[in-house]
Each structure stands twice: as C-alpha cells, then as structure tokens.
Amino acid sequence: MDMIRRQLQDKISGRIAPGQIRNEYVCSVDFPATLLDAAGTAFTKNRVHGRSLLPLLVGKKDVKWREEVVCETYGHGYGEEIVSRMVVKGAYKYIASESDIHELYDLHNDPFELKNQIGNTEYAGVLKELQECLISWQAETGDTASVLCR
C-alpha cells in the first residue's frame, strides 16, 4: 500500500493551510486538474479522469468525493506485459489481471497483504462489491482492459 500513498504538501497563495491530514482517496491523475484549478482554468478539449483537490485542500465541508480508488498498470518490464487493475475501498484491496490472476486483501487484518482471500467465501460480498466498482470505473473511463470475466 505504501507505493500508492503520497503525501501532498502544498501551499497555494495562502489558500491551503499547512499541516492538513486528509483521508480521502486521491490519484496522480488528480494533480493536473488541481494545478489547472489553482491557476483558474480547467481542461477544455480533452476529458480527464482526475478531479481537482482544491475543494478538499481549502477545507470545503460539503465535497462529495470518491469512495474508492482505482489504479492501472501495464506491468512493462522484464520482458512481460501484465495488464492489471487495482481497487481499494475501505479496508479492502482487489487486484485483477488479464492473466486471470486475482487477489483480494483485507488491509485491516492483513496490512502487509500476505494472505490472498480471493477464494475465501467469507469475502464473497466484498469481492462482488469491488468487482462492481471496477466495472463501473472501466465503463466511466472507457477502459477496455479485459481483466474481469463479464
């Protein structure tokens, strides 16, 4: 989980209070939208998947924000291309790949992701929910990777 976490430390013209700790999910694709928003503009021609972080950073209280985060990789390197998608929501992480390797982790009880719960029927509801999140995200973003059997 540490490789997808980042500290966001910024102060834009005194609008962002230093030392904030936020718990919302953010993605690297949010940074371009944030920078343009801070400059008083936005993407106009191309659809982007990121959202400006400024409403969160300036302390707006009524911001409706994402409940999950999705990451994608094409696993370039070592002579392989492994197309995968990952969803993190609450205490759970689901990873699906085109090579039919699927992983499900309970980050609360297994923060180091040592026990794959993908075949554990106790997590069937969690798995279904995360797969639905992934399918929705793929439809919303136009992602055509076939990491799930649909």
C-alpha atoms as a PDB file:
ATOM      1  CA  MET A   1       0.000   0.000   0.000  1.00  0.00           C
ATOM      2  CA  ASP A   2       2.904   2.363   0.668  1.00  0.00           C
ATOM      3  CA  MET A   3       3.804   2.566  -3.016  1.00  0.00           C
ATOM      4  CA  ILE A   4       0.444   4.158  -3.853  1.00  0.00           C
ATOM      5  CA  ARG A   5       0.413   6.581  -0.944  1.00  0.00           C
ATOM      6  CA  ARG A   6       1.786  10.043  -1.301  1.00  0.00           C
ATOM      7  CA  GLN A   7       1.984  12.964   0.992  1.00  0.00           C
ATOM      8  CA  LEU A   8       0.535  16.050  -0.543  1.00  0.00           C
ATOM      9  CA  GLN A   9       2.272  19.054   0.890  1.00  0.00           C
ATOM     10  CA  ASP A  10       1.391  22.292  -0.733  1.00  0.00           C
ATOM     11  CA  LYS A  11       0.528  25.875  -0.029  1.00  0.00           C
ATOM     12  CA  ILE A  12      -1.011  27.865  -2.871  1.00  0.00           C
ATOM     13  CA  SER A  13      -1.195  31.614  -2.223  1.00  0.00           C
ATOM     14  CA  GLY A  14      -2.174  31.098   1.411  1.00  0.00           C
ATOM     15  CA  ARG A  15      -5.362  29.234   0.464  1.00  0.00           C
ATOM     16  CA  ILE A  16      -4.206  25.887   1.774  1.00  0.00           C
ATOM     17  CA  ALA A  17      -3.474  25.557   5.460  1.00  0.00           C
ATOM     18  CA  PRO A  18      -0.215  23.720   6.144  1.00  0.00           C
ATOM     19  CA  GLY A  19      -0.202  20.510   8.187  1.00  0.00           C
ATOM     20  CA  GLN A  20      -3.534  19.145   6.997  1.00  0.00           C
ATOM     21  CA  ILE A  21      -4.191  15.436   7.207  1.00  0.00           C
ATOM     22  CA  ARG A  22      -6.877  14.164   4.848  1.00  0.00           C
ATOM     23  CA  ASN A  23      -8.306  10.673   4.483  1.00  0.00           C
ATOM     24  CA  GLU A  24      -9.851  10.938   1.023  1.00  0.00           C
ATOM     25  CA  TYR A  25      -8.557   8.771  -1.810  1.00  0.00           C
ATOM     26  CA  VAL A  26      -6.544  10.720  -4.370  1.00  0.00           C
ATOM     27  CA  CYS A  27      -4.773   9.645  -7.554  1.00  0.00           C
ATOM     28  CA  SER A  28      -1.884  11.017  -9.548  1.00  0.00           C
ATOM     29  CA  VAL A  29      -4.398  11.951 -12.271  1.00  0.00           C
ATOM     30  CA  ASP A  30      -5.853  14.482  -9.812  1.00  0.00           C
ATOM     31  CA  PHE A  31      -2.708  16.612  -9.827  1.00  0.00           C
ATOM     32  CA  PRO A  32      -3.029  18.132 -13.343  1.00  0.00           C
ATOM     33  CA  ALA A  33      -6.676  19.036 -12.670  1.00  0.00           C
ATOM     34  CA  THR A  34      -5.657  20.553  -9.328  1.00  0.00           C
ATOM     35  CA  LEU A  35      -2.876  22.647 -10.829  1.00  0.00           C
ATOM     36  CA  LEU A  36      -5.158  23.989 -13.554  1.00  0.00           C
ATOM     37  CA  ASP A  37      -7.870  24.733 -10.997  1.00  0.00           C
ATOM     38  CA  ALA A  38      -5.345  26.609  -8.846  1.00  0.00           C
ATOM     39  CA  ALA A  39      -4.425  28.639 -11.944  1.00  0.00           C
ATOM     40  CA  GLY A  40      -8.083  29.454 -12.529  1.00  0.00           C
ATOM     41  CA  THR A  41      -8.594  27.269 -15.577  1.00  0.00           C
ATOM     42  CA  ALA A  42      -9.506  23.691 -16.494  1.00  0.00           C
ATOM     43  CA  PHE A  43      -9.125  21.112 -19.244  1.00  0.00           C
ATOM     44  CA  THR A  44     -11.422  22.155 -22.076  1.00  0.00           C
ATOM     45  CA  LYS A  45     -10.826  19.831 -25.033  1.00  0.00           C
ATOM     46  CA  ASN A  46      -9.874  16.503 -23.541  1.00  0.00           C
ATOM     47  CA  ARG A  47     -11.801  14.526 -20.975  1.00  0.00           C
ATOM     48  CA  VAL A  48      -9.655  13.760 -17.938  1.00  0.00           C
ATOM     49  CA  HIS A  49     -10.259  11.272 -15.160  1.00  0.00           C
ATOM     50  CA  GLY A  50      -8.756  13.345 -12.383  1.00  0.00           C
ATOM     51  CA  ARG A  51     -10.519  15.786 -10.094  1.00  0.00           C
ATOM     52  CA  SER A  52      -9.221  18.974  -8.586  1.00  0.00           C
ATOM     53  CA  LEU A  53      -8.098  18.534  -4.994  1.00  0.00           C
ATOM     54  CA  LEU A  54      -8.544  22.228  -4.220  1.00  0.00           C
ATOM     55  CA  PRO A  55     -12.030  21.897  -2.716  1.00  0.00           C
ATOM     56  CA  LEU A  56     -10.621  19.410  -0.222  1.00  0.00           C
ATOM     57  CA  LEU A  57      -7.453  21.367   0.433  1.00  0.00           C
ATOM     58  CA  VAL A  58      -9.169  24.682   1.097  1.00  0.00           C
ATOM     59  CA  GLY A  59     -11.435  22.994   3.631  1.00  0.00           C
ATOM     60  CA  LYS A  60     -14.812  22.902   1.884  1.00  0.00           C
ATOM     61  CA  LYS A  61     -17.107  20.767   4.041  1.00  0.00           C
ATOM     62  CA  ASP A  62     -19.719  19.564   1.555  1.00  0.00           C
ATOM     63  CA  VAL A  63     -17.425  17.992  -1.047  1.00  0.00           C
ATOM     64  CA  LYS A  64     -18.742  14.683  -2.406  1.00  0.00           C
ATOM     65  CA  TRP A  65     -15.615  12.620  -3.027  1.00  0.00           C
ATOM     66  CA  ARG A  66     -14.779   9.171  -4.347  1.00  0.00           C
ATOM     67  CA  GLU A  67     -15.222   6.209  -2.025  1.00  0.00           C
ATOM     68  CA  GLU A  68     -12.660   4.041  -3.787  1.00  0.00           C
ATOM     69  CA  VAL A  69      -9.519   4.441  -5.794  1.00  0.00           C
ATOM     70  CA  VAL A  70      -8.603   2.507  -8.940  1.00  0.00           C
ATOM     71  CA  CYS A  71      -5.085   2.123 -10.290  1.00  0.00           C
ATOM     72  CA  GLU A  72      -3.996   0.584 -13.551  1.00  0.00           C
ATOM     73  CA  THR A  73      -0.744  -0.898 -14.731  1.00  0.00           C
ATOM     74  CA  TYR A  74       0.577  -2.455 -17.862  1.00  0.00           C
ATOM     75  CA  GLY A  75       3.491  -4.033 -15.989  1.00  0.00           C
ATOM     76  CA  HIS A  76       6.117  -3.148 -18.549  1.00  0.00           C
ATOM     77  CA  GLY A  77       9.486  -4.616 -17.802  1.00  0.00           C
ATOM     78  CA  TYR A  78      11.320  -7.881 -17.549  1.00  0.00           C
ATOM     79  CA  GLY A  79      10.027  -8.886 -20.975  1.00  0.00           C
ATOM     80  CA  GLU A  80       6.414  -9.161 -19.834  1.00  0.00           C
ATOM     81  CA  GLU A  81       3.337  -7.061 -20.162  1.00  0.00           C
ATOM     82  CA  ILE A  82       0.910  -7.713 -17.341  1.00  0.00           C
ATOM     83  CA  VAL A  83      -2.298  -5.715 -17.626  1.00  0.00           C
ATOM     84  CA  SER A  84      -3.815  -5.250 -14.191  1.00  0.00           C
ATOM     85  CA  ARG A  85      -6.279  -3.080 -12.328  1.00  0.00           C
ATOM     86  CA  MET A  86      -6.498  -2.493  -8.600  1.00  0.00           C
ATOM     87  CA  VAL A  87      -9.390  -1.200  -6.498  1.00  0.00           C
ATOM     88  CA  VAL A  88      -9.012  -0.049  -2.900  1.00  0.00           C
ATOM     89  CA  LYS A  89     -12.154   0.678  -0.933  1.00  0.00           C
ATOM     90  CA  GLY A  90     -12.319   0.897   2.822  1.00  0.00           C
ATOM     91  CA  ALA A  91     -10.305  -1.916   4.331  1.00  0.00           C
ATOM     92  CA  TYR A  92     -10.064  -3.996   1.134  1.00  0.00           C
ATOM     93  CA  LYS A  93      -7.877  -4.221  -1.947  1.00  0.00           C
ATOM     94  CA  TYR A  94      -8.764  -6.171  -5.078  1.00  0.00           C
ATOM     95  CA  ILE A  95      -6.340  -6.789  -7.941  1.00  0.00           C
ATOM     96  CA  ALA A  96      -7.421  -8.266 -11.267  1.00  0.00           C
ATOM     97  CA  SER A  97      -5.242  -9.016 -14.266  1.00  0.00           C
ATOM     98  CA  GLU A  98      -5.748 -10.214 -17.811  1.00  0.00           C
ATOM     99  CA  SER A  99      -3.729 -13.302 -16.940  1.00  0.00           C
ATOM    100  CA  ASP A 100      -6.582 -14.385 -14.631  1.00  0.00           C
ATOM    101  CA  ILE A 101      -4.545 -13.735 -11.513  1.00  0.00           C
ATOM    102  CA  HIS A 102      -6.842 -12.183  -8.951  1.00  0.00           C
ATOM    103  CA  GLU A 103      -6.043 -11.090  -5.417  1.00  0.00           C
ATOM    104  CA  LEU A 104      -8.164  -9.839  -2.536  1.00  0.00           C
ATOM    105  CA  TYR A 105      -6.704  -8.489   0.689  1.00  0.00           C
ATOM    106  CA  ASP A 106      -8.212  -7.415   3.980  1.00  0.00           C
ATOM    107  CA  LEU A 107      -5.942  -4.462   4.706  1.00  0.00           C
ATOM    108  CA  HIS A 108      -7.261  -4.057   8.230  1.00  0.00           C
ATOM    109  CA  ASN A 109      -6.396  -7.594   9.332  1.00  0.00           C
ATOM    110  CA  ASP A 110      -3.538  -8.148   6.868  1.00  0.00           C
ATOM    111  CA  PRO A 111      -1.825  -4.788   6.208  1.00  0.00           C
ATOM    112  CA  PHE A 112       1.196  -6.449   4.579  1.00  0.00           C
ATOM    113  CA  GLU A 113      -1.012  -8.361   2.106  1.00  0.00           C
ATOM    114  CA  LEU A 114       0.329 -11.784   2.962  1.00  0.00           C
ATOM    115  CA  LYS A 115      -2.928 -13.764   2.741  1.00  0.00           C
ATOM    116  CA  ASN A 116      -4.871 -13.664  -0.514  1.00  0.00           C
ATOM    117  CA  GLN A 117      -8.578 -14.005   0.345  1.00  0.00           C
ATOM    118  CA  ILE A 118      -9.757 -14.460  -3.251  1.00  0.00           C
ATOM    119  CA  GLY A 119     -11.059 -17.997  -2.652  1.00  0.00           C
ATOM    120  CA  ASN A 120     -12.423 -17.353   0.833  1.00  0.00           C
ATOM    121  CA  THR A 121     -16.233 -17.441   0.710  1.00  0.00           C
ATOM    122  CA  GLU A 122     -16.404 -15.170   3.778  1.00  0.00           C
ATOM    123  CA  TYR A 123     -15.231 -12.361   1.485  1.00  0.00           C
ATOM    124  CA  ALA A 124     -17.611 -13.121  -1.421  1.00  0.00           C
ATOM    125  CA  GLY A 125     -19.699  -9.992  -0.792  1.00  0.00           C
ATOM    126  CA  VAL A 126     -16.606  -7.782  -0.598  1.00  0.00           C
ATOM    127  CA  LEU A 127     -15.237  -9.312  -3.800  1.00  0.00           C
ATOM    128  CA  LYS A 128     -18.505  -8.711  -5.647  1.00  0.00           C
ATOM    129  CA  GLU A 129     -18.629  -5.088  -4.470  1.00  0.00           C
ATOM    130  CA  LEU A 130     -15.054  -4.381  -5.549  1.00  0.00           C
ATOM    131  CA  GLN A 131     -15.574  -6.062  -8.910  1.00  0.00           C
ATOM    132  CA  GLU A 132     -18.664  -3.902  -9.449  1.00  0.00           C
ATOM    133  CA  CYS A 133     -16.596  -0.810  -8.571  1.00  0.00           C
ATOM    134  CA  LEU A 134     -14.016  -1.844 -11.160  1.00  0.00           C
ATOM    135  CA  ILE A 135     -16.633  -2.495 -13.849  1.00  0.00           C
ATOM    136  CA  SER A 136     -18.224   0.904 -13.185  1.00  0.00           C
ATOM    137  CA  TRP A 137     -14.861   2.650 -13.309  1.00  0.00           C
ATOM    138  CA  GLN A 138     -13.953   0.926 -16.577  1.00  0.00           C
ATOM    139  CA  ALA A 139     -17.271   1.998 -18.133  1.00  0.00           C
ATOM    140  CA  GLU A 140     -16.871   5.557 -16.855  1.00  0.00           C
ATOM    141  CA  THR A 141     -13.295   5.938 -18.094  1.00  0.00           C
ATOM    142  CA  GLY A 142     -13.530   3.936 -21.331  1.00  0.00           C
ATOM    143  CA  ASP A 143     -11.026   1.368 -20.083  1.00  0.00           C
ATOM    144  CA  THR A 144     -11.208  -1.701 -22.316  1.00  0.00           C
ATOM    145  CA  ALA A 145      -8.782  -3.983 -20.472  1.00  0.00           C
ATOM    146  CA  SER A 146     -10.368  -7.403 -20.051  1.00  0.00           C
ATOM    147  CA  VAL A 147      -9.198  -8.048 -16.510  1.00  0.00           C
ATOM    148  CA  LEU A 148     -12.566  -9.434 -15.437  1.00  0.00           C
ATOM    149  CA  CYS A 149     -14.771 -12.076 -16.981  1.00  0.00           C
ATOM    150  CA  ARG A 150     -18.007 -10.229 -17.714  1.00  0.00           C
END
